[in-house]
C-alpha atoms as a PDB file:
ATOM      1  CA  UNK A   1      -6.818  10.094 -14.305  1.00  0.00           C
ATOM      2  CA  UNK A   2     -10.472  10.781 -13.697  1.00  0.00           C
ATOM      3  CA  UNK A   3     -11.569   7.877 -15.953  1.00  0.00           C
ATOM      4  CA  UNK A   4      -9.096   5.550 -14.235  1.00  0.00           C
ATOM      5  CA  UNK A   5     -10.979   5.926 -10.903  1.00  0.00           C
ATOM      6  CA  UNK A   6     -13.693   3.601 -12.213  1.00  0.00           C
ATOM      7  CA  UNK A   7     -11.272   0.780 -12.950  1.00  0.00           C
ATOM      8  CA  UNK A   8      -8.824   1.144  -9.922  1.00  0.00           C
ATOM      9  CA  UNK A   9     -10.271  -2.046  -8.200  1.00  0.00           C
ATOM     10  CA  UNK A  10      -9.613  -4.142 -11.248  1.00  0.00           C
ATOM     11  CA  UNK A  11      -6.159  -2.836 -12.088  1.00  0.00           C
ATOM     12  CA  UNK A  12      -2.780  -4.189 -11.131  1.00  0.00           C
ATOM     13  CA  UNK A  13      -1.121  -2.635  -8.125  1.00  0.00           C
ATOM     14  CA  UNK A  14       0.934   0.464  -9.012  1.00  0.00           C
ATOM     15  CA  UNK A  15       4.023   1.746  -7.173  1.00  0.00           C
ATOM     16  CA  UNK A  16       4.533   5.420  -8.266  1.00  0.00           C
ATOM     17  CA  UNK A  17       7.997   6.869  -7.395  1.00  0.00           C
ATOM     18  CA  UNK A  18       8.359  10.506  -7.747  1.00  0.00           C
ATOM     19  CA  UNK A  19      11.101  12.932  -7.110  1.00  0.00           C
ATOM     20  CA  UNK A  20      11.375  16.517  -5.770  1.00  0.00           C
ATOM     21  CA  UNK A  21      10.728  18.859  -8.707  1.00  0.00           C
ATOM     22  CA  UNK A  22      13.945  20.998  -8.124  1.00  0.00           C
ATOM     23  CA  UNK A  23      16.154  17.916  -8.230  1.00  0.00           C
ATOM     24  CA  UNK A  24      14.407  16.612 -11.378  1.00  0.00           C
ATOM     25  CA  UNK A  25      14.859  19.967 -13.146  1.00  0.00           C
ATOM     26  CA  UNK A  26      18.483  20.182 -12.251  1.00  0.00           C
ATOM     27  CA  UNK A  27      19.217  16.563 -13.149  1.00  0.00           C
ATOM     28  CA  UNK A  28      17.399  16.909 -16.450  1.00  0.00           C
ATOM     29  CA  UNK A  29      19.357  20.030 -17.414  1.00  0.00           C
ATOM     30  CA  UNK A  30      22.660  18.211 -16.884  1.00  0.00           C
ATOM     31  CA  UNK A  31      21.249  15.035 -18.783  1.00  0.00           C
ATOM     32  CA  UNK A  32      20.171  17.278 -21.682  1.00  0.00           C
ATOM     33  CA  UNK A  33      23.514  19.101 -21.829  1.00  0.00           C
ATOM     34  CA  UNK A  34      25.351  15.785 -22.200  1.00  0.00           C
ATOM     35  CA  UNK A  35      22.870  13.718 -24.194  1.00  0.00           C
ATOM     36  CA  UNK A  36      23.706  13.484 -27.680  1.00  0.00           C
ATOM     37  CA  UNK A  37      20.447  12.047 -28.865  1.00  0.00           C
ATOM     38  CA  UNK A  38      18.661  15.159 -27.673  1.00  0.00           C
ATOM     39  CA  UNK A  39      21.011  17.806 -29.129  1.00  0.00           C
ATOM     40  CA  UNK A  40      22.951  18.304 -26.950  1.00  0.00           C
ATOM     41  CA  UNK A  41      21.193  21.131 -25.298  1.00  0.00           C
ATOM     42  CA  UNK A  42      23.289  24.296 -25.638  1.00  0.00           C
ATOM     43  CA  UNK A  43      21.041  26.765 -23.854  1.00  0.00           C
ATOM     44  CA  UNK A  44      21.499  28.291 -20.475  1.00  0.00           C
ATOM     45  CA  UNK A  45      19.806  27.397 -17.090  1.00  0.00           C
ATOM     46  CA  UNK A  46      17.074  30.007 -17.535  1.00  0.00           C
ATOM     47  CA  UNK A  47      16.106  28.817 -21.054  1.00  0.00           C
ATOM     48  CA  UNK A  48      16.026  25.124 -19.896  1.00  0.00           C
ATOM     49  CA  UNK A  49      13.947  26.019 -16.740  1.00  0.00           C
ATOM     50  CA  UNK A  50      11.294  27.629 -19.068  1.00  0.00           C
ATOM     51  CA  UNK A  51      11.237  24.681 -21.206  1.00  0.00           C
ATOM     52  CA  UNK A  52      10.991  22.276 -18.185  1.00  0.00           C
ATOM     53  CA  UNK A  53       8.028  24.254 -16.673  1.00  0.00           C
ATOM     54  CA  UNK A  54       6.258  24.281 -19.856  1.00  0.00           C
ATOM     55  CA  UNK A  55       6.635  20.653 -20.382  1.00  0.00           C
ATOM     56  CA  UNK A  56       8.809  20.811 -23.625  1.00  0.00           C
ATOM     57  CA  UNK A  57      11.108  18.101 -22.580  1.00  0.00           C
ATOM     58  CA  UNK A  58      10.981  14.293 -23.167  1.00  0.00           C
ATOM     59  CA  UNK A  59       9.819  13.592 -19.574  1.00  0.00           C
ATOM     60  CA  UNK A  60       6.827  15.693 -19.796  1.00  0.00           C
ATOM     61  CA  UNK A  61       5.503  18.325 -17.384  1.00  0.00           C
ATOM     62  CA  UNK A  62       6.242  17.354 -13.743  1.00  0.00           C
ATOM     63  CA  UNK A  63       3.980  20.141 -12.560  1.00  0.00           C
ATOM     64  CA  UNK A  64       0.880  18.434 -14.048  1.00  0.00           C
ATOM     65  CA  UNK A  65       1.784  14.875 -13.993  1.00  0.00           C
ATOM     66  CA  UNK A  66       3.134  14.230 -10.452  1.00  0.00           C
ATOM     67  CA  UNK A  67       0.489  16.217  -8.551  1.00  0.00           C
ATOM     68  CA  UNK A  68      -2.171  14.212 -10.436  1.00  0.00           C
ATOM     69  CA  UNK A  69      -0.757  10.984  -9.432  1.00  0.00           C
ATOM     70  CA  UNK A  70      -0.576  12.156  -5.805  1.00  0.00           C
ATOM     71  CA  UNK A  71      -4.140  13.319  -5.812  1.00  0.00           C
ATOM     72  CA  UNK A  72      -5.304  10.111  -7.444  1.00  0.00           C
ATOM     73  CA  UNK A  73      -3.492   8.079  -4.845  1.00  0.00           C
ATOM     74  CA  UNK A  74      -5.075  10.049  -2.019  1.00  0.00           C
ATOM     75  CA  UNK A  75      -8.614   9.461  -3.577  1.00  0.00           C
ATOM     76  CA  UNK A  76      -7.858   5.673  -3.355  1.00  0.00           C
ATOM     77  CA  UNK A  77      -7.327   5.492   0.476  1.00  0.00           C
ATOM     78  CA  UNK A  78      -9.757   2.796   1.084  1.00  0.00           C
ATOM     79  CA  UNK A  79      -8.783  -0.753   2.112  1.00  0.00           C
ATOM     80  CA  UNK A  80      -7.374  -2.697  -0.974  1.00  0.00           C
ATOM     81  CA  UNK A  81      -5.844   0.566  -2.342  1.00  0.00           C
ATOM     82  CA  UNK A  82      -3.982  -0.418  -5.439  1.00  0.00           C
ATOM     83  CA  UNK A  83      -1.611   2.584  -5.908  1.00  0.00           C
ATOM     84  CA  UNK A  84       1.326   3.428  -3.476  1.00  0.00           C
ATOM     85  CA  UNK A  85       3.217   6.733  -3.967  1.00  0.00           C
ATOM     86  CA  UNK A  86       6.704   6.952  -2.675  1.00  0.00           C
ATOM     87  CA  UNK A  87       9.131   9.915  -2.991  1.00  0.00           C
ATOM     88  CA  UNK A  88      12.644   9.283  -4.005  1.00  0.00           C
ATOM     89  CA  UNK A  89      13.837  11.360  -1.213  1.00  0.00           C
ATOM     90  CA  UNK A  90      11.944   9.097   1.401  1.00  0.00           C
ATOM     91  CA  UNK A  91      13.692   6.021  -0.332  1.00  0.00           C
ATOM     92  CA  UNK A  92      16.962   7.670   0.498  1.00  0.00           C
ATOM     93  CA  UNK A  93      16.157   9.119   3.750  1.00  0.00           C
ATOM     94  CA  UNK A  94      14.075   6.296   5.294  1.00  0.00           C
ATOM     95  CA  UNK A  95      14.735   3.096   3.405  1.00  0.00           C
ATOM     96  CA  UNK A  96      13.440   0.693   6.202  1.00  0.00           C
ATOM     97  CA  UNK A  97      10.144   2.605   6.331  1.00  0.00           C
ATOM     98  CA  UNK A  98       9.682   2.463   2.542  1.00  0.00           C
ATOM     99  CA  UNK A  99      10.503  -1.221   2.481  1.00  0.00           C
ATOM    100  CA  UNK A 100       7.914  -1.765   5.202  1.00  0.00           C
ATOM    101  CA  UNK A 101       5.368   0.182   3.272  1.00  0.00           C
ATOM    102  CA  UNK A 102       6.180  -1.749   0.011  1.00  0.00           C
ATOM    103  CA  UNK A 103       5.745  -5.021   1.963  1.00  0.00           C
ATOM    104  CA  UNK A 104       2.411  -3.951   3.476  1.00  0.00           C
ATOM    105  CA  UNK A 105       1.027  -2.808   0.159  1.00  0.00           C
ATOM    106  CA  UNK A 106      -0.003  -6.056  -1.149  1.00  0.00           C
ATOM    107  CA  UNK A 107       0.269  -8.035   2.224  1.00  0.00           C
ATOM    108  CA  UNK A 108      -1.279  -5.746   4.848  1.00  0.00           C
ATOM    109  CA  UNK A 109      -1.605  -8.588   7.371  1.00  0.00           C
ATOM    110  CA  UNK A 110       1.465 -10.639   6.665  1.00  0.00           C
ATOM    111  CA  UNK A 111       4.321 -10.093   9.045  1.00  0.00           C
ATOM    112  CA  UNK A 112       7.782 -10.213   7.849  1.00  0.00           C
ATOM    113  CA  UNK A 113      10.852 -10.788  10.132  1.00  0.00           C
ATOM    114  CA  UNK A 114      12.732  -7.452  10.931  1.00  0.00           C
ATOM    115  CA  UNK A 115      15.941  -9.106   9.897  1.00  0.00           C
ATOM    116  CA  UNK A 116      14.535  -9.650   6.389  1.00  0.00           C
ATOM    117  CA  UNK A 117      13.825  -5.932   6.242  1.00  0.00           C
ATOM    118  CA  UNK A 118      17.244  -5.018   7.281  1.00  0.00           C
ATOM    119  CA  UNK A 119      18.729  -7.372   4.598  1.00  0.00           C
ATOM    120  CA  UNK A 120      16.468  -5.860   1.793  1.00  0.00           C
ATOM    121  CA  UNK A 121      17.692  -2.301   2.907  1.00  0.00           C
ATOM    122  CA  UNK A 122      21.346  -3.423   2.864  1.00  0.00           C
ATOM    123  CA  UNK A 123      21.181  -5.193  -0.493  1.00  0.00           C
ATOM    124  CA  UNK A 124      19.221  -2.506  -2.267  1.00  0.00           C
ATOM    125  CA  UNK A 125      21.067   0.584  -0.827  1.00  0.00           C
ATOM    126  CA  UNK A 126      22.557   3.051  -3.159  1.00  0.00           C
ATOM    127  CA  UNK A 127      25.985   2.451  -1.787  1.00  0.00           C
ATOM    128  CA  UNK A 128      25.729  -1.241  -2.331  1.00  0.00           C
ATOM    129  CA  UNK A 129      24.367  -0.768  -5.817  1.00  0.00           C
ATOM    130  CA  UNK A 130      27.223   1.726  -6.698  1.00  0.00           C
ATOM    131  CA  UNK A 131      29.764  -0.951  -5.732  1.00  0.00           C
ATOM    132  CA  UNK A 132      27.988  -3.746  -7.492  1.00  0.00           C
ATOM    133  CA  UNK A 133      25.607  -2.721 -10.241  1.00  0.00           C
END
C-alpha cells in the first residue's frame, strides 16, 4: 500500500467493502466445510480459526489486509479522495446512508432526488435480491 500512495490521484476510484472479522471467519468455516474444491475441510473450529488467523486460507489474512485498506483510505482524506471504504454491516444497517455516500463519492456536489435514493435502496435490498436474484 505504501507505494500506491504516490499514484492515488491517477488511479480509478475504488470502493472497498469489508466485513466484520468474526463474521468472515464463521462464514469461511462453513464455506470450507462444504466446498468440495477445497477438500472439504474436515477439521474442527479451533483448527480452522488458527488457519484463518495465520492466513492459510484462500481469502488471505483479514487481520493484515483489511486494516491496511482502512489505514490507506484514512490517509487519502483530502478532496478528490479516490478510495471509499464501506463495511458490509453498514450496508445492511444503514443502506440509505451508504447509497448517499456512494453517490457523493464521485459526485460530491451533484444533488440527487431523495426518491431516487429510496428506489435504489428498495431495488438493491437483500430481501429484494433474495426474491429475484
